[in-house]
Each structure stands twice: as structure tokens, then as C-alpha cells.
Protein backbone atom coordinates (compact mmCIF):
# COMPACT_ATOMS: atom_id res chain seq x y z
CA MET A 1 48.81 192.86 -21.29
CA THR A 2 48.36 189.56 -19.61
CA THR A 3 50.14 188.72 -16.49
CA ASP A 4 52.02 185.55 -15.90
CA HIS A 5 50.70 184.55 -12.39
CA ARG A 6 53.15 181.69 -12.20
CA ARG A 7 56.10 183.96 -12.55
CA VAL A 8 54.57 186.43 -10.04
CA ASP A 9 53.78 183.58 -7.40
CA ALA A 10 57.35 182.24 -7.91
CA GLN A 11 58.78 185.98 -7.15
CA MET A 12 56.64 186.30 -3.96
CA ALA A 13 57.70 182.87 -2.69
CA GLN A 14 61.38 183.86 -3.37
CA GLU A 15 60.88 187.13 -1.54
CA VAL A 16 59.19 185.52 1.59
CA LEU A 17 61.71 182.91 1.70
CA LEU A 18 64.63 185.27 1.53
CA ASP A 19 63.42 188.06 3.65
CA ASP A 20 62.06 185.86 6.39
CA PRO A 21 64.61 183.30 7.45
CA GLY A 22 62.03 181.74 10.02
CA PHE A 23 59.54 181.00 7.08
CA LEU A 24 60.64 177.26 6.66
CA ARG A 25 60.91 176.87 10.53
CA GLU A 26 57.34 177.84 10.85
CA ILE A 27 56.26 175.46 8.23
CA VAL A 28 58.12 172.57 9.85
CA GLU A 29 56.70 173.58 13.30
CA ARG A 30 53.11 173.42 11.97
CA VAL A 31 53.49 170.04 10.42
CA VAL A 32 55.12 168.49 13.45
CA GLN A 33 52.38 170.04 15.56
CA GLN A 34 49.75 168.54 13.46
CA ILE A 35 51.54 165.05 13.73
CA LEU A 36 51.37 165.35 17.52
CA ASP A 37 47.63 166.19 17.41
CA ALA A 38 46.98 163.25 15.28
CA GLU A 39 48.86 160.89 17.36
CA MET A 40 46.66 161.91 20.36
CA SER A 41 43.51 161.63 18.38
CA GLU A 42 44.63 158.01 17.41
CA HIS A 43 45.56 157.16 21.01
CA ILE A 44 42.18 158.12 22.44
CA GLY A 45 40.05 157.17 19.39
CA ALA A 46 38.43 160.55 18.75
CA VAL A 47 39.38 164.02 17.41
CA PRO A 48 38.87 167.17 19.63
CA TYR A 49 35.24 167.74 20.88
CA GLU A 50 34.05 164.57 19.04
CA ARG A 51 31.43 162.53 21.05
CA THR A 52 31.80 158.83 20.41
CA THR A 53 31.40 155.51 22.35
CA GLU A 54 34.68 154.27 20.88
CA ARG A 55 36.64 157.00 23.00
CA LYS A 56 39.45 155.47 25.24
CA GLY A 57 40.38 158.69 27.09
CA HIS A 58 40.20 162.30 27.31
CA ARG A 59 42.59 165.15 26.62
CA ASN A 60 43.93 167.06 29.36
CA GLY A 61 45.73 170.37 27.93
CA HIS A 62 49.28 170.40 26.57
CA LYS A 63 52.83 170.54 27.80
CA PRO A 64 55.44 172.81 26.14
CA ARG A 65 58.52 171.16 24.33
CA THR A 66 61.13 172.35 22.21
CA LEU A 67 62.70 170.39 19.40
CA ARG A 68 65.99 171.47 17.91
CA THR A 69 66.32 170.78 14.29
CA ARG A 70 68.32 172.06 11.20
CA VAL A 71 65.80 174.66 10.45
CA GLY A 72 65.96 176.10 14.03
CA THR A 73 64.38 175.32 17.48
CA LEU A 74 60.54 174.14 17.11
CA ASN A 75 58.34 175.36 19.95
CA LEU A 76 55.60 172.72 20.38
CA LEU A 77 52.79 171.78 22.47
CA VAL A 78 52.67 168.05 23.24
CA PRO A 79 49.15 166.77 23.91
CA GLN A 80 48.49 165.31 27.34
CA ASP A 81 45.67 162.87 28.36
CA ARG A 82 44.06 162.63 31.89
CA GLU A 83 45.26 159.05 32.30
CA GLY A 84 48.84 159.93 31.61
CA THR A 85 49.12 157.01 29.06
CA PHE A 86 49.98 159.03 25.81
CA SER A 87 53.61 159.08 24.67
CA THR A 88 54.46 160.44 21.35
CA ARG A 89 56.60 158.36 19.06
CA LEU A 90 57.94 161.47 17.20
CA PHE A 91 60.91 162.62 19.24
CA SER A 92 63.05 159.69 20.03
CA ARG A 93 63.45 158.38 16.53
CA TYR A 94 63.90 161.75 14.77
CA GLN A 95 66.38 163.15 17.34
CA ARG A 96 68.73 160.05 17.71
CA ASN A 97 70.84 160.63 14.72
CA GLU A 98 70.22 164.44 14.73
CA LYS A 99 71.71 164.52 18.29
CA ALA A 100 74.62 162.47 17.18
CA LEU A 101 75.56 164.78 14.29
CA VAL A 102 75.06 167.90 16.42
CA LEU A 103 77.05 166.38 19.11
CA ALA A 104 79.92 165.63 16.83
CA LEU A 105 80.02 169.31 15.56
CA MET A 106 79.68 170.47 19.16
CA GLU A 107 82.59 168.57 20.35
CA MET A 108 84.75 169.71 17.43
CA TYR A 109 84.13 173.27 18.64
CA VAL A 110 84.37 172.82 22.25
CA GLU A 111 87.58 170.76 21.93
CA GLY A 112 89.27 173.34 19.89
CA VAL A 113 89.46 171.26 16.42
CA SER A 114 86.90 173.09 14.59
CA THR A 115 86.61 176.37 12.59
CA ARG A 116 84.52 179.35 12.66
CA LYS A 117 82.22 177.61 10.00
CA VAL A 118 81.63 174.69 12.39
CA LYS A 119 80.62 177.09 15.10
CA HIS A 120 78.22 178.70 12.76
CA VAL A 121 76.64 175.53 11.59
CA THR A 122 76.37 174.07 15.04
CA GLU A 123 74.59 176.98 16.42
CA GLU A 124 72.17 176.90 13.49
CA LEU A 125 71.56 173.44 14.23
CA CYS A 126 71.07 173.72 17.81
CA GLY A 127 69.05 176.91 17.61
CA THR A 128 71.08 178.12 20.67
CA SER A 129 74.51 178.56 22.15
CA PHE A 130 76.19 175.71 23.97
CA SER A 131 78.74 174.84 26.52
CA LYS A 132 80.99 171.99 27.58
CA SER A 133 78.44 170.92 30.38
CA LEU A 134 75.68 170.91 27.79
CA VAL A 135 77.69 168.71 25.50
CA SER A 136 78.50 166.28 28.25
CA SER A 137 74.96 166.13 29.38
CA LEU A 138 73.66 165.43 25.84
CA ALA A 139 76.32 162.91 25.13
CA THR A 140 75.87 160.84 28.47
CA ARG A 141 72.14 160.45 27.86
CA LEU A 142 72.54 159.46 24.09
CA ASP A 143 75.49 157.25 24.61
CA ALA A 144 73.58 155.18 27.20
CA GLU A 145 70.78 154.64 24.72
CA LEU A 146 73.05 153.62 21.92
CA GLU A 147 75.20 151.29 24.04
CA ALA A 148 71.95 149.54 25.14
CA TRP A 149 71.24 148.82 21.39
CA ARG A 150 74.72 147.76 20.67
CA SER A 151 74.74 145.19 23.44
CA ARG A 152 71.23 143.96 22.98
CA PRO A 153 70.51 140.26 22.93
CA LEU A 154 70.04 138.69 19.48
CA GLU A 155 67.05 136.68 19.78
CA ALA A 156 66.29 135.15 16.36
CA GLU A 157 66.52 131.46 15.88
CA GLY A 158 69.56 131.93 13.65
CA TYR A 159 71.28 134.22 11.15
CA PRO A 160 72.35 132.14 8.17
CA TYR A 161 73.73 135.04 6.07
CA LEU A 162 76.14 137.47 7.61
CA PHE A 163 77.45 140.60 5.81
CA VAL A 164 80.62 142.36 7.06
CA ASP A 165 81.82 145.66 5.79
CA ALA A 166 84.41 148.35 6.75
CA ARG A 167 85.04 151.90 5.90
CA TYR A 168 87.39 154.49 7.36
CA GLU A 169 86.97 157.83 9.08
CA LYS A 170 89.28 160.54 10.16
CA VAL A 171 89.35 160.85 13.98
CA ARG A 172 91.63 162.99 16.26
CA VAL A 173 93.54 160.79 18.84
CA GLY A 174 95.69 162.93 21.02
CA SER A 175 97.44 165.46 18.73
CA ARG A 176 97.15 163.40 15.68
CA ILE A 177 94.56 162.86 12.97
CA VAL A 178 94.34 159.05 12.18
CA SER A 179 92.17 156.72 10.21
CA GLN A 180 89.76 154.65 12.25
CA GLY A 181 87.97 151.56 10.90
CA VAL A 182 84.08 151.53 11.11
CA LEU A 183 83.09 147.97 11.23
CA VAL A 184 79.49 147.18 10.46
CA VAL A 185 77.72 143.67 10.56
CA SER A 186 74.18 142.90 9.37
CA GLY A 187 72.41 139.55 9.08
CA VAL A 188 69.23 137.89 7.48
CA ARG A 189 67.38 136.20 10.23
CA GLU A 190 65.32 133.19 10.51
CA PRO A 191 62.51 132.44 10.40
CA ASP A 192 61.11 135.70 8.87
CA GLY A 193 63.86 136.41 6.32
CA LEU A 194 64.34 140.09 7.62
CA ARG A 195 67.54 142.01 7.69
CA GLU A 196 69.06 143.43 10.95
CA ILE A 197 72.07 145.35 11.70
CA LEU A 198 73.81 143.25 14.43
CA ALA A 199 76.94 145.28 15.27
CA VAL A 200 78.79 148.54 14.87
CA GLU A 201 82.42 149.13 16.14
CA VAL A 202 85.03 151.64 15.62
CA ALA A 203 88.67 150.20 15.77
CA ASP A 204 92.13 151.44 15.07
CA THR A 205 92.54 149.02 12.10
CA GLU A 206 91.15 145.88 10.54
CA SER A 207 92.86 142.86 11.88
CA GLU A 208 92.25 139.19 12.86
CA ALA A 209 92.27 140.32 16.48
CA THR A 210 89.70 143.19 15.64
CA TYR A 211 87.32 140.59 14.14
CA HIS A 212 88.13 137.98 16.62
CA GLU A 213 86.64 140.38 19.41
CA LEU A 214 83.76 141.40 17.31
CA PHE A 215 82.54 137.89 16.54
CA ARG A 216 83.18 136.83 20.09
CA SER A 217 80.88 139.62 21.18
CA LEU A 218 78.27 138.86 18.72
CA LYS A 219 78.26 135.08 19.82
CA SER A 220 78.00 136.10 23.44
CA ARG A 221 74.91 138.20 22.50
CA GLY A 222 73.33 135.00 21.05
CA LEU A 223 74.40 135.02 17.35
CA LYS A 224 74.05 131.54 15.94
CA GLY A 225 73.27 129.46 12.75
CA VAL A 226 75.76 131.19 10.63
CA GLU A 227 76.20 129.47 7.20
CA LEU A 228 77.71 132.17 5.06
CA VAL A 229 79.79 135.32 5.65
CA VAL A 230 79.92 137.87 2.85
CA SER A 231 82.78 140.46 2.88
CA ASP A 232 85.81 141.64 1.05
CA ASP A 233 89.06 139.79 0.85
CA HIS A 234 90.51 140.54 4.19
CA GLU A 235 92.74 137.76 5.54
CA GLY A 236 92.26 138.65 9.13
CA LEU A 237 88.51 138.53 8.59
CA LYS A 238 88.64 135.29 6.97
CA SER A 239 90.86 133.73 9.62
CA ALA A 240 88.35 134.93 12.19
CA VAL A 241 85.58 133.51 10.39
CA SER A 242 87.06 129.88 10.16
CA ARG A 243 87.68 130.20 13.88
CA HIS A 244 84.36 131.37 15.17
CA PHE A 245 81.99 129.98 12.55
CA GLN A 246 83.39 126.49 11.87
CA GLY A 247 81.53 124.96 8.96
CA ALA A 248 80.39 128.33 7.62
CA ALA A 249 81.41 129.28 4.08
CA HIS A 250 83.07 132.57 3.10
CA GLN A 251 81.87 134.55 0.18
CA ARG A 252 84.25 137.10 -1.41
CA CYS A 253 82.15 140.09 -2.58
CA GLN A 254 81.89 139.81 -6.35
CA VAL A 255 81.66 143.69 -6.77
CA HIS A 256 84.90 144.19 -4.82
CA TYR A 257 86.69 141.41 -6.61
CA MET A 258 85.57 142.67 -10.06
CA ARG A 259 86.81 146.12 -9.29
CA ASN A 260 90.26 144.69 -8.25
CA LEU A 261 90.44 142.76 -11.43
CA LEU A 262 89.37 145.52 -13.77
CA GLY A 263 92.06 147.77 -12.40
CA MET A 264 94.62 145.36 -13.86
CA VAL A 265 93.76 146.10 -17.41
CA GLY A 266 93.42 149.31 -19.45
CA ALA A 267 90.36 151.34 -19.79
CA SER A 268 89.86 149.85 -23.41
CA LYS A 269 89.90 146.32 -22.11
CA ARG A 270 87.64 146.74 -19.00
CA LYS A 271 84.29 146.27 -20.80
CA GLU A 272 85.42 142.74 -22.14
CA LEU A 273 86.76 141.59 -19.01
CA GLY A 274 83.67 142.81 -17.04
CA ALA A 275 81.40 140.77 -19.58
CA ASP A 276 83.80 137.65 -19.03
CA LEU A 277 83.35 137.93 -15.08
CA ARG A 278 79.78 138.44 -15.38
CA ALA A 279 79.41 135.26 -17.37
CA ILE A 280 81.34 133.47 -14.68
CA PHE A 281 79.18 134.74 -11.79
CA ALA A 282 75.81 133.97 -13.73
CA ALA A 283 76.68 130.19 -14.04
CA PRO A 284 73.97 127.89 -12.57
CA ASN A 285 76.36 125.86 -10.45
CA ARG A 286 80.04 125.74 -9.18
CA GLU A 287 81.25 123.34 -11.88
CA GLN A 288 79.88 125.17 -14.84
CA ALA A 289 81.30 128.40 -13.34
CA LEU A 290 84.78 126.94 -12.96
CA ARG A 291 84.75 125.81 -16.60
CA ILE A 292 83.88 129.14 -17.82
CA ALA A 293 86.59 130.68 -15.57
CA SER A 294 89.21 128.24 -16.90
CA SER A 295 88.23 129.30 -20.48
CA VAL A 296 88.32 133.00 -19.62
CA ALA A 297 91.75 132.67 -18.08
CA GLU A 298 93.23 130.97 -20.99
CA ARG A 299 91.96 133.49 -23.40
CA TRP A 300 93.34 136.55 -21.36
CA ARG A 301 96.63 134.54 -21.04
CA SER A 302 96.85 134.28 -24.72
CA LYS A 303 96.35 138.16 -25.05
CA GLY A 304 99.40 138.53 -22.76
CA HIS A 305 97.54 139.49 -19.57
CA ASN A 306 99.21 136.81 -17.28
CA LYS A 307 98.39 138.63 -14.21
CA VAL A 308 94.73 138.63 -14.92
CA SER A 309 94.86 134.99 -15.91
CA GLU A 310 96.58 133.91 -12.69
CA HIS A 311 94.33 136.05 -10.54
CA ILE A 312 91.25 134.35 -11.98
CA GLU A 313 92.72 130.90 -11.54
CA GLU A 314 93.89 131.49 -7.84
CA HIS A 315 90.94 133.58 -6.56
CA ILE A 316 87.66 133.04 -8.57
CA GLU A 317 86.55 130.19 -6.35
CA GLU A 318 86.37 132.58 -3.45
CA CYS A 319 83.63 134.39 -5.18
CA LEU A 320 81.49 131.20 -5.95
CA SER A 321 80.51 130.11 -2.37
CA CYS A 322 76.96 131.54 -3.05
CA LEU A 323 76.26 128.91 -5.49
CA ALA A 324 75.81 126.34 -2.84
CA PHE A 325 72.57 128.20 -1.60
CA PRO A 326 69.15 128.54 -3.18
CA GLU A 327 69.19 130.20 -6.69
CA SER A 328 66.65 132.90 -5.53
CA HIS A 329 68.92 133.91 -2.78
CA ARG A 330 72.29 134.17 -4.74
CA ARG A 331 71.69 137.85 -6.04
CA ARG A 332 71.42 139.12 -2.68
CA ILE A 333 74.28 137.13 -0.95
CA ARG A 334 76.86 137.38 -3.42
CA THR A 335 77.83 140.94 -2.47
CA THR A 336 77.93 143.40 0.46
CA ASN A 337 75.91 145.84 -1.52
CA GLY A 338 73.05 145.62 1.11
CA LEU A 339 75.05 147.59 3.29
CA GLU A 340 75.73 150.36 0.59
CA ARG A 341 72.80 152.61 1.64
CA LEU A 342 73.97 152.59 5.31
CA ASN A 343 77.53 153.48 4.03
CA GLN A 344 76.17 156.36 1.79
CA GLU A 345 74.15 157.78 4.81
CA ILE A 346 77.44 157.45 6.96
CA LYS A 347 79.43 159.26 4.17
CA ARG A 348 76.73 161.92 3.86
CA ARG A 349 76.98 162.83 7.60
CA THR A 350 80.50 162.42 8.18
CA ARG A 351 81.26 164.76 5.19
CA VAL A 352 79.79 167.46 7.36
CA VAL A 353 82.08 166.48 10.39
CA ARG A 354 85.30 165.87 8.57
CA ILE A 355 87.39 165.07 11.23
CA PHE A 356 85.73 163.58 14.45
CA PRO A 357 87.08 164.94 17.70
CA ASN A 358 87.40 161.50 19.22
CA ARG A 359 86.62 157.85 18.67
CA GLN A 360 83.33 157.97 20.71
CA SER A 361 82.04 160.81 18.77
CA CYS A 362 82.51 158.73 15.51
CA LEU A 363 80.98 155.67 17.13
CA ARG A 364 77.99 157.75 18.33
CA LEU A 365 77.00 159.03 15.02
CA VAL A 366 77.43 155.67 13.02
CA THR A 367 75.47 153.81 15.58
CA ALA A 368 72.66 156.25 15.59
CA LEU A 369 72.53 156.00 11.73
CA ALA A 370 72.68 152.18 12.07
CA VAL A 371 69.77 152.16 14.62
CA GLU A 372 67.59 154.04 12.20
CA MET A 373 68.46 151.72 9.32
CA SER A 374 67.89 148.49 11.26
CA GLU A 375 64.50 149.73 12.47
CA GLU A 376 63.54 150.27 8.80
CA TRP A 377 64.63 146.88 8.02
CA VAL A 378 62.94 144.88 10.66
CA THR A 379 59.79 146.72 10.25
CA GLY A 380 59.78 146.67 6.43
CA ARG A 381 59.48 144.05 3.67
CA ARG A 382 60.96 140.52 3.92
CA TYR A 383 64.37 140.42 2.28
CA LEU A 384 64.60 136.58 1.71
CA ASP A 385 62.17 133.81 1.67
CA MET A 386 63.75 131.51 4.19
CA GLU A 387 61.56 128.58 3.37
CA GLU A 388 63.67 128.13 0.32
CA LEU A 389 66.76 127.87 2.48
CA ARG A 390 65.08 125.23 4.61
CA GLU A 391 63.96 123.23 1.56
CA HIS A 392 67.45 123.54 0.30
CA ARG A 393 68.73 121.88 3.45
CA ARG A 394 66.37 119.09 3.32
CA LEU A 395 67.48 118.24 -0.31
CA GLU A 396 71.11 118.34 0.73
CA GLU A 397 70.39 115.99 3.76
CA LEU A 398 68.57 113.62 1.42
CA VAL A 399 71.33 113.53 -1.02
CA VAL A 400 73.85 112.77 1.70
CA GLU A 401 71.69 110.03 3.16
CA THR A 402 71.39 108.47 -0.36
CA GLU A 403 75.12 108.58 -0.77
CA GLU A 404 75.89 106.91 2.52
CA ALA A 405 73.23 104.29 1.90
CA MET A 406 74.98 103.56 -1.56
CA ILE A 407 78.33 103.29 0.10
CA MET A 408 77.03 100.93 2.80
CA ASP A 409 75.33 98.76 0.19
CA SER A 410 78.49 98.45 -1.79
């Protein structure tokens, strides 16, 4: 009888994984060690025992180092060089948000707001037991690093497009569990067109005063050149925008607007209303969009949906500010969807914590995730071609100059 080797191999693999909890840790440890050795080879320009004229230095043994991860504590040997110039890039980036998550869980347990499950998960993540002094020491070091990032100078020539989004997390304040607003601001910068996360804050609530302080802080760090702010329909935010960024337009997120409006009709009508709204948003210019919107409003009024009709007539213009900018940019500046991935990461991590032990713990974790995301953005692909925006400005200036000349001639 023939043997199904694939089934046998699968059974053996399952037995190894179930019988040896350290199996996965050993794999990760071996891979991370290989990464460290490869970094050293790249640094000195030669693999071990290689003779080459391109060598820039020499190895000088190893230094023991532990790395706490979700699969347990890894025991690593960090390569050293004789000149003392080698520094691995592996630890700082990997551990930043890992530390923040672990610290949040630690604080939950230490401050008496956790469960036995949290204690178990935390010790699995840490690979060891912990105390209040350990929590305090880890938090102090990580908070200093994250605060330096939050207060860094903004050195780009300008940030024409600003995106503001907020979500809420449960935080223990005194003896109560309250909702705290997590405010995130990102921007597209000139001249390279890359995205960057500019600010992360945790506040009691969204209000004009909250956004006033947020925008004031951004301007003191060097934020300038804002032409469009994209957000949901928050009155306090819009008031703060008009106060701090005079001359800048406000774009109401079209996705948020569509969700709000679709909630006004029954399920059987939503597909039709969604198609009408997409037709408005797809218009090539503001004038045509308003004509389509007027027609849509009349049609829904004739069907007896007066609230839908009135809402379109009163608020649709708030969603059309993006039409004053280059056509190739509109798809990416008409919503706050660019922050969606960060929000998903925040949600995935905060689901583990559930209730933060204090506001600082919440700010720590969200900032660590924002740092990681922002680093990916500024070292990745260009988000928008800003030369198109510059050309758009030149054409607008030419139109204004022509109109002024015609007025003077007349």
C-alpha cells in the first residue's frame, strides 16, 4: 500500500509544534540571528573569513542580547566590530510598538484593572515576570523617544493637503472608564509628494478648543502652506481650520457624508442613492456637480424623501472642495481613507488591551504605531505628483491676472 508522505509530514509537523512550544521561538531566533550577521557583513563589506580588498573593518566577537517578542524571549548574539562603528537597525524599529503594547498590558495588571487572562498574555509577551519598577523604567525610556518624535520640527517646504481623523478608545480615568479621542493628523508634503504623520494626540473630547491647541502646536513646529484640510463634518474642527489656516479650503470626507446620507433611507433605496451620490462626486468641475446635485435633490423630493433632498441641497457643497485642485489628485484628497490603514492597526492592537489603564498608555501605543506607519510612508513611494499642483497654481494665477487686466481695460 502506498504512503501519503504529505499527510505524514503534516502530522509530524503538527506533533512537533504541539509537543514543543519553543519550536516557533527557535525558528524566529535563528532567522533574527541570520539578519544580524547579514547586517554585519554588509557593514564591513565581507562575510566571515572572506579575504577582500573592499573590506571596511573586522569582526570582534559578539555581545549577548535578549529580545522579548510574542513567541518568547530570543537569546541573540549581536556582532561587534573592532572599530566599534556597527549598530544594528533591527531592535529599535521592531520593539517600538511591541514595547508600547506590552507596557499597556503590564500597566493594566500592575494597576489592578486587568484579569488573569491579561496577566497570562503579558507574561507570554514579555517572556518573564514583571514589577512596577520594571514597568516604570520601560515606560520612561520609551516615552522619551516617542515624545521627541511628536515634537519634532516639520521641515518640509509646505504641506498643501492635511488629513484629520479621530477615533475613540476606552481609558480609565480615576475610578471611571471614559472615552478618549485619539486625534491623528497626516499631510502630503512638498516638494516630494510623500505622506507623513504629523501629529498624534489623546484628548477628553473633540472640540474647537482641542483642535485649536492641536493646530497651534503644529504651526509652532513649522507647519505651513496648508491649502486643503480633509476631515469629517465636525463644527469645532471647521472653526479651528478657518482660524488657523486662513485661505485654506475644507473638504468634507465624501465617504463619511455618503454613510450619513444612506442612513436616511431604507435598505432597498440605498443602492440607488449611492449611485446618485457617486455621479455627483464624479463630475469634472464644481458647476456640473452642483447641477447634478440639484437634479438628484428634486428627484428624491418627488419620491417623498424630503430630508434626503434638503440634506443634499444644504451640505453637498462641503464635499466638492477637492474639485478646485488637480484632477489627478482628487481621488486621494476627497476622503480621509488614507488614514484607514493606521486606524485598522490601532483597532487591532487596542482590541487586545480593551481598556487602557491611563491616558499616557493609550498615547504611547498609538504614537508607536504612528511612527512605524510614518516611516513606511516617507521611505516608500510618492503619494502625489506635486508638480501637477504647482502647474495648477500657475494656471490659476494666469487666469486671475488676465481677469484683472480685462477689468482695468474696461
